[in-house]
């Protein structure tokens, strides 16, 4: 069954356009799907509900670091043949750091010393 759709066109500031296109590209979505998601989130409170066991973490970083991260994700996406998202990358780093810290704590406990 074909969906009923209608075109929406609006003039917006160049800076906002660039920001939207960059976010849309980062999300790996078509512009149509990305704008539909944005508008749905705004008007209907979104279609994706956060699970009770999930928490949101947000932070700012320097522009230079963000650009380096973006380039790294692009390289990794090309290398692996699949899109590597910011979320996937950051969660992987956090998981790796936690695993290392917990392994060090276990090793300290096995050696009879305490980290505190």
N, C-alpha and C. Protein backbone atom coordinates (compact mmCIF):
# COMPACT_ATOMS: atom_id res chain seq x y z
N UNK A 1 0.85 -1.17 0.00
CA UNK A 1 0.00 0.00 0.00
C UNK A 1 0.90 1.24 0.00
N UNK A 2 0.65 2.17 -0.93
CA UNK A 2 1.45 3.39 -1.03
C UNK A 2 1.05 4.37 0.06
N UNK A 3 2.08 5.00 0.65
CA UNK A 3 1.85 6.00 1.69
C UNK A 3 1.42 7.30 1.04
N UNK A 4 0.51 8.02 1.70
CA UNK A 4 0.17 9.36 1.23
C UNK A 4 1.25 10.31 1.71
N UNK A 5 1.83 11.04 0.78
CA UNK A 5 2.90 11.96 1.12
C UNK A 5 2.68 13.28 0.40
N UNK A 6 3.26 14.34 0.98
CA UNK A 6 3.20 15.66 0.37
C UNK A 6 4.54 16.33 0.59
N UNK A 7 5.00 17.07 -0.40
CA UNK A 7 6.27 17.77 -0.34
C UNK A 7 6.16 18.98 0.58
N UNK A 8 7.22 19.24 1.34
CA UNK A 8 7.31 20.41 2.21
C UNK A 8 8.61 21.13 1.87
N UNK A 9 8.51 22.38 1.49
CA UNK A 9 9.69 23.14 1.09
C UNK A 9 9.71 24.45 1.87
N UNK A 10 10.87 24.80 2.42
CA UNK A 10 10.98 26.04 3.19
C UNK A 10 12.38 26.60 3.07
N UNK A 11 12.49 27.89 3.01
CA UNK A 11 13.79 28.55 3.00
C UNK A 11 14.26 28.68 4.46
N UNK A 12 15.50 28.23 4.73
CA UNK A 12 16.06 28.32 6.07
C UNK A 12 17.47 28.91 5.96
N UNK A 13 18.00 29.46 7.06
CA UNK A 13 19.35 30.03 7.01
C UNK A 13 20.39 28.97 6.60
N UNK A 14 21.41 29.41 5.90
CA UNK A 14 22.45 28.50 5.41
C UNK A 14 23.09 27.72 6.55
N UNK A 15 23.37 28.38 7.67
CA UNK A 15 24.02 27.71 8.80
C UNK A 15 23.15 26.58 9.33
N UNK A 16 21.85 26.82 9.41
CA UNK A 16 20.92 25.79 9.88
C UNK A 16 20.86 24.64 8.88
N UNK A 17 20.83 24.98 7.60
CA UNK A 17 20.81 23.96 6.54
C UNK A 17 22.04 23.07 6.65
N UNK A 18 23.21 23.68 6.83
CA UNK A 18 24.46 22.90 6.95
C UNK A 18 24.43 22.01 8.18
N UNK A 19 23.89 22.53 9.27
CA UNK A 19 23.80 21.75 10.51
C UNK A 19 22.86 20.55 10.33
N UNK A 20 21.72 20.79 9.70
CA UNK A 20 20.75 19.71 9.46
C UNK A 20 21.33 18.66 8.55
N UNK A 21 21.97 19.09 7.46
CA UNK A 21 22.54 18.12 6.52
C UNK A 21 23.66 17.30 7.15
N UNK A 22 24.48 17.93 7.99
CA UNK A 22 25.56 17.20 8.66
C UNK A 22 24.98 16.16 9.62
N UNK A 23 23.96 16.55 10.37
CA UNK A 23 23.33 15.60 11.31
C UNK A 23 22.63 14.49 10.55
N UNK A 24 22.00 14.82 9.46
CA UNK A 24 21.31 13.82 8.63
C UNK A 24 22.31 12.82 8.06
N UNK A 25 23.43 13.34 7.58
CA UNK A 25 24.48 12.46 7.05
C UNK A 25 25.05 11.56 8.15
N UNK A 26 25.28 12.14 9.32
CA UNK A 26 25.81 11.37 10.45
C UNK A 26 24.84 10.27 10.86
N UNK A 27 23.55 10.56 10.76
CA UNK A 27 22.53 9.57 11.13
C UNK A 27 22.41 8.47 10.08
N UNK A 28 22.97 8.71 8.89
CA UNK A 28 22.90 7.70 7.83
C UNK A 28 21.49 7.53 7.27
N UNK A 29 20.74 8.62 7.26
CA UNK A 29 19.35 8.57 6.80
C UNK A 29 19.19 9.45 5.56
N UNK A 30 18.15 9.18 4.78
CA UNK A 30 17.82 10.09 3.70
C UNK A 30 17.30 11.37 4.32
N UNK A 31 17.36 12.46 3.58
CA UNK A 31 16.87 13.74 4.10
C UNK A 31 15.38 13.63 4.44
N UNK A 32 14.63 12.97 3.58
CA UNK A 32 13.20 12.81 3.83
C UNK A 32 12.93 12.07 5.14
N UNK A 33 13.65 10.98 5.36
CA UNK A 33 13.46 10.20 6.60
C UNK A 33 13.91 11.00 7.81
N UNK A 34 15.01 11.74 7.68
CA UNK A 34 15.54 12.51 8.80
C UNK A 34 14.58 13.63 9.20
N UNK A 35 14.09 14.39 8.22
CA UNK A 35 13.16 15.49 8.51
C UNK A 35 11.85 14.93 9.06
N UNK A 36 11.39 13.81 8.52
CA UNK A 36 10.17 13.19 9.04
C UNK A 36 10.34 12.82 10.51
N UNK A 37 11.52 12.25 10.87
CA UNK A 37 11.78 11.89 12.25
C UNK A 37 11.83 13.13 13.14
N UNK A 38 12.51 14.19 12.68
CA UNK A 38 12.57 15.42 13.46
C UNK A 38 11.18 15.99 13.73
N UNK A 39 10.37 16.07 12.68
CA UNK A 39 9.03 16.64 12.83
C UNK A 39 8.14 15.74 13.69
N UNK A 40 8.27 14.44 13.53
CA UNK A 40 7.49 13.51 14.35
C UNK A 40 7.87 13.65 15.81
N UNK A 41 9.17 13.73 16.09
CA UNK A 41 9.64 13.92 17.47
C UNK A 41 9.10 15.22 18.05
N UNK A 42 9.08 16.27 17.24
CA UNK A 42 8.62 17.57 17.73
C UNK A 42 7.11 17.57 18.00
N UNK A 43 6.34 17.07 17.04
CA UNK A 43 4.88 17.17 17.15
C UNK A 43 4.23 16.03 17.92
N UNK A 44 4.85 14.86 17.90
CA UNK A 44 4.21 13.70 18.53
C UNK A 44 5.02 13.12 19.67
N UNK A 45 6.08 13.78 20.06
CA UNK A 45 6.89 13.26 21.15
C UNK A 45 7.75 12.09 20.73
N UNK A 46 7.88 11.87 19.45
CA UNK A 46 8.77 10.84 18.93
C UNK A 46 8.15 9.46 18.90
N UNK A 47 8.73 8.61 18.11
CA UNK A 47 8.27 7.23 17.98
C UNK A 47 9.14 6.29 18.80
N UNK A 48 10.34 6.76 19.16
CA UNK A 48 11.27 5.92 19.90
C UNK A 48 11.22 6.31 21.37
N UNK A 49 10.81 5.40 22.19
CA UNK A 49 10.74 5.65 23.62
C UNK A 49 11.98 5.07 24.29
N UNK A 50 12.52 5.81 25.26
CA UNK A 50 13.69 5.33 25.97
C UNK A 50 13.27 4.22 26.92
N UNK A 51 14.04 3.15 26.93
CA UNK A 51 13.76 2.04 27.84
C UNK A 51 14.08 2.46 29.26
N UNK A 52 13.38 1.87 30.22
CA UNK A 52 13.60 2.21 31.62
C UNK A 52 15.03 1.96 32.06
N UNK A 53 15.66 0.95 31.47
CA UNK A 53 17.02 0.60 31.89
C UNK A 53 18.09 1.41 31.16
N UNK A 54 17.67 2.37 30.36
CA UNK A 54 18.63 3.18 29.60
C UNK A 54 18.70 4.59 30.18
N UNK A 55 19.85 5.22 30.05
CA UNK A 55 20.06 6.59 30.49
C UNK A 55 20.71 7.37 29.36
N UNK A 56 20.46 8.65 29.31
CA UNK A 56 21.05 9.51 28.28
C UNK A 56 22.28 10.19 28.84
N UNK A 57 23.32 10.22 28.02
CA UNK A 57 24.55 10.92 28.39
C UNK A 57 24.84 11.91 27.26
N UNK A 58 24.99 13.17 27.60
CA UNK A 58 25.29 14.19 26.59
C UNK A 58 26.44 15.05 27.09
N UNK A 59 27.29 15.45 26.17
CA UNK A 59 28.41 16.29 26.54
C UNK A 59 28.87 17.08 25.33
N UNK A 60 29.56 18.16 25.58
CA UNK A 60 30.13 18.97 24.52
C UNK A 60 31.62 18.66 24.42
N UNK A 61 32.15 18.90 23.22
CA UNK A 61 33.59 18.72 23.00
C UNK A 61 34.09 19.83 22.09
N UNK A 62 35.39 20.09 22.12
CA UNK A 62 35.93 21.12 21.23
C UNK A 62 35.70 20.77 19.76
N UNK A 63 35.49 21.78 18.95
CA UNK A 63 35.21 21.59 17.51
C UNK A 63 36.30 20.76 16.84
N UNK A 64 37.57 21.04 17.16
CA UNK A 64 38.68 20.31 16.53
C UNK A 64 38.58 18.81 16.84
N UNK A 65 38.28 18.48 18.09
CA UNK A 65 38.14 17.08 18.47
C UNK A 65 36.94 16.44 17.77
N UNK A 66 35.85 17.19 17.65
CA UNK A 66 34.66 16.67 16.97
C UNK A 66 34.98 16.35 15.51
N UNK A 67 35.72 17.25 14.84
CA UNK A 67 36.08 17.02 13.45
C UNK A 67 36.99 15.81 13.31
N UNK A 68 37.93 15.66 14.24
CA UNK A 68 38.80 14.47 14.23
C UNK A 68 37.98 13.20 14.41
N UNK A 69 37.02 13.25 15.33
CA UNK A 69 36.14 12.10 15.57
C UNK A 69 35.35 11.77 14.31
N UNK A 70 34.79 12.80 13.69
CA UNK A 70 34.00 12.60 12.48
C UNK A 70 34.83 11.95 11.37
N UNK A 71 36.08 12.43 11.20
CA UNK A 71 36.96 11.85 10.18
C UNK A 71 37.30 10.40 10.53
N UNK A 72 37.54 10.14 11.82
CA UNK A 72 37.84 8.77 12.25
C UNK A 72 36.66 7.84 11.95
N UNK A 73 35.45 8.28 12.26
CA UNK A 73 34.27 7.46 12.01
C UNK A 73 34.08 7.18 10.52
N UNK A 74 34.37 8.18 9.70
CA UNK A 74 34.29 7.99 8.25
C UNK A 74 35.31 6.95 7.79
N UNK A 75 36.56 7.06 8.31
CA UNK A 75 37.60 6.08 7.94
C UNK A 75 37.21 4.68 8.38
N UNK A 76 36.71 4.56 9.62
CA UNK A 76 36.31 3.25 10.14
C UNK A 76 35.13 2.68 9.35
N UNK A 77 34.22 3.54 8.94
CA UNK A 77 33.09 3.10 8.14
C UNK A 77 33.57 2.55 6.80
N UNK A 78 34.53 3.24 6.18
CA UNK A 78 35.09 2.74 4.91
C UNK A 78 35.85 1.44 5.13
N UNK A 79 36.64 1.40 6.20
CA UNK A 79 37.47 0.21 6.49
C UNK A 79 36.62 -1.02 6.75
N UNK A 80 35.57 -0.85 7.55
CA UNK A 80 34.76 -2.00 7.94
C UNK A 80 33.63 -2.31 6.96
N UNK A 81 33.32 -1.34 6.10
CA UNK A 81 32.23 -1.56 5.14
C UNK A 81 30.85 -1.37 5.76
N UNK A 82 30.80 -0.84 6.99
CA UNK A 82 29.50 -0.54 7.61
C UNK A 82 29.62 0.77 8.36
N UNK A 83 28.52 1.49 8.43
CA UNK A 83 28.53 2.80 9.09
C UNK A 83 28.80 2.64 10.57
N UNK A 84 29.80 3.36 11.06
CA UNK A 84 30.13 3.37 12.48
C UNK A 84 29.58 4.67 13.05
N UNK A 85 28.64 4.56 13.98
CA UNK A 85 28.00 5.74 14.53
C UNK A 85 28.78 6.30 15.72
N UNK A 86 28.52 7.56 16.04
CA UNK A 86 29.13 8.17 17.22
C UNK A 86 28.76 7.38 18.46
N UNK A 87 27.50 7.03 18.56
CA UNK A 87 27.01 6.28 19.73
C UNK A 87 27.76 4.96 19.86
N UNK A 88 27.84 4.21 18.79
CA UNK A 88 28.53 2.92 18.80
C UNK A 88 30.00 3.09 19.21
N UNK A 89 30.65 4.11 18.67
CA UNK A 89 32.06 4.36 18.97
C UNK A 89 32.26 4.71 20.44
N UNK A 90 31.48 5.66 20.95
CA UNK A 90 31.64 6.10 22.34
C UNK A 90 31.29 4.97 23.31
N UNK A 91 30.21 4.24 23.05
CA UNK A 91 29.85 3.12 23.92
C UNK A 91 30.95 2.06 23.93
N UNK A 92 31.58 1.84 22.76
CA UNK A 92 32.68 0.89 22.69
C UNK A 92 33.87 1.32 23.54
N UNK A 93 34.19 2.62 23.49
CA UNK A 93 35.30 3.14 24.30
C UNK A 93 34.99 3.02 25.79
N UNK A 94 33.76 3.36 26.17
CA UNK A 94 33.38 3.27 27.58
C UNK A 94 33.43 1.82 28.05
N UNK A 95 32.91 0.90 27.23
CA UNK A 95 32.92 -0.52 27.59
C UNK A 95 34.35 -1.02 27.76
N UNK A 96 35.23 -0.62 26.84
CA UNK A 96 36.64 -1.03 26.91
C UNK A 96 37.29 -0.51 28.19
N UNK A 97 37.07 0.76 28.53
CA UNK A 97 37.66 1.34 29.74
C UNK A 97 37.12 0.67 30.99
N UNK A 98 35.82 0.40 31.03
CA UNK A 98 35.24 -0.27 32.20
C UNK A 98 35.77 -1.69 32.35
N UNK A 99 35.87 -2.41 31.22
CA UNK A 99 36.41 -3.78 31.26
C UNK A 99 37.84 -3.77 31.80
N UNK A 100 38.66 -2.83 31.33
CA UNK A 100 40.05 -2.75 31.79
C UNK A 100 40.12 -2.42 33.28
N UNK A 101 39.30 -1.47 33.72
CA UNK A 101 39.30 -1.08 35.14
C UNK A 101 38.84 -2.24 36.02
N UNK A 102 37.81 -2.95 35.60
CA UNK A 102 37.30 -4.07 36.39
C UNK A 102 38.31 -5.21 36.42
N UNK A 103 39.01 -5.44 35.28
CA UNK A 103 40.04 -6.48 35.26
C UNK A 103 41.18 -6.11 36.21
N UNK A 104 41.55 -4.84 36.24
CA UNK A 104 42.62 -4.39 37.15
C UNK A 104 42.18 -4.55 38.60
N UNK A 105 40.92 -4.24 38.90
CA UNK A 105 40.39 -4.42 40.26
C UNK A 105 40.41 -5.90 40.67
N UNK A 106 40.01 -6.77 39.75
CA UNK A 106 40.03 -8.21 40.05
C UNK A 106 41.45 -8.70 40.30
N UNK A 107 42.39 -8.21 39.48
CA UNK A 107 43.79 -8.61 39.63
C UNK A 107 44.33 -8.13 40.98
N UNK A 108 43.99 -6.91 41.36
CA UNK A 108 44.41 -6.37 42.66
C UNK A 108 43.83 -7.21 43.79
N UNK A 109 42.55 -7.58 43.67
CA UNK A 109 41.89 -8.37 44.71
C UNK A 109 42.53 -9.76 44.78
N UNK A 110 42.85 -10.34 43.62
CA UNK A 110 43.48 -11.67 43.61
C UNK A 110 44.88 -11.64 44.22
N UNK A 111 45.55 -10.48 44.13
CA UNK A 111 46.89 -10.34 44.69
C UNK A 111 46.86 -9.92 46.15
N UNK A 112 45.64 -9.79 46.71
CA UNK A 112 45.51 -9.45 48.13
C UNK A 112 45.71 -8.00 48.46
N UNK A 113 45.70 -7.13 47.45
CA UNK A 113 45.82 -5.68 47.74
C UNK A 113 44.51 -5.01 47.38
N UNK A 114 44.32 -3.87 47.95
CA UNK A 114 43.10 -3.10 47.72
C UNK A 114 43.46 -1.82 46.99
N UNK A 115 42.62 -1.42 46.03
CA UNK A 115 42.88 -0.21 45.27
C UNK A 115 42.66 1.05 46.08
N UNK A 116 41.92 0.98 47.17
CA UNK A 116 41.59 2.18 47.94
C UNK A 116 42.67 2.58 48.89
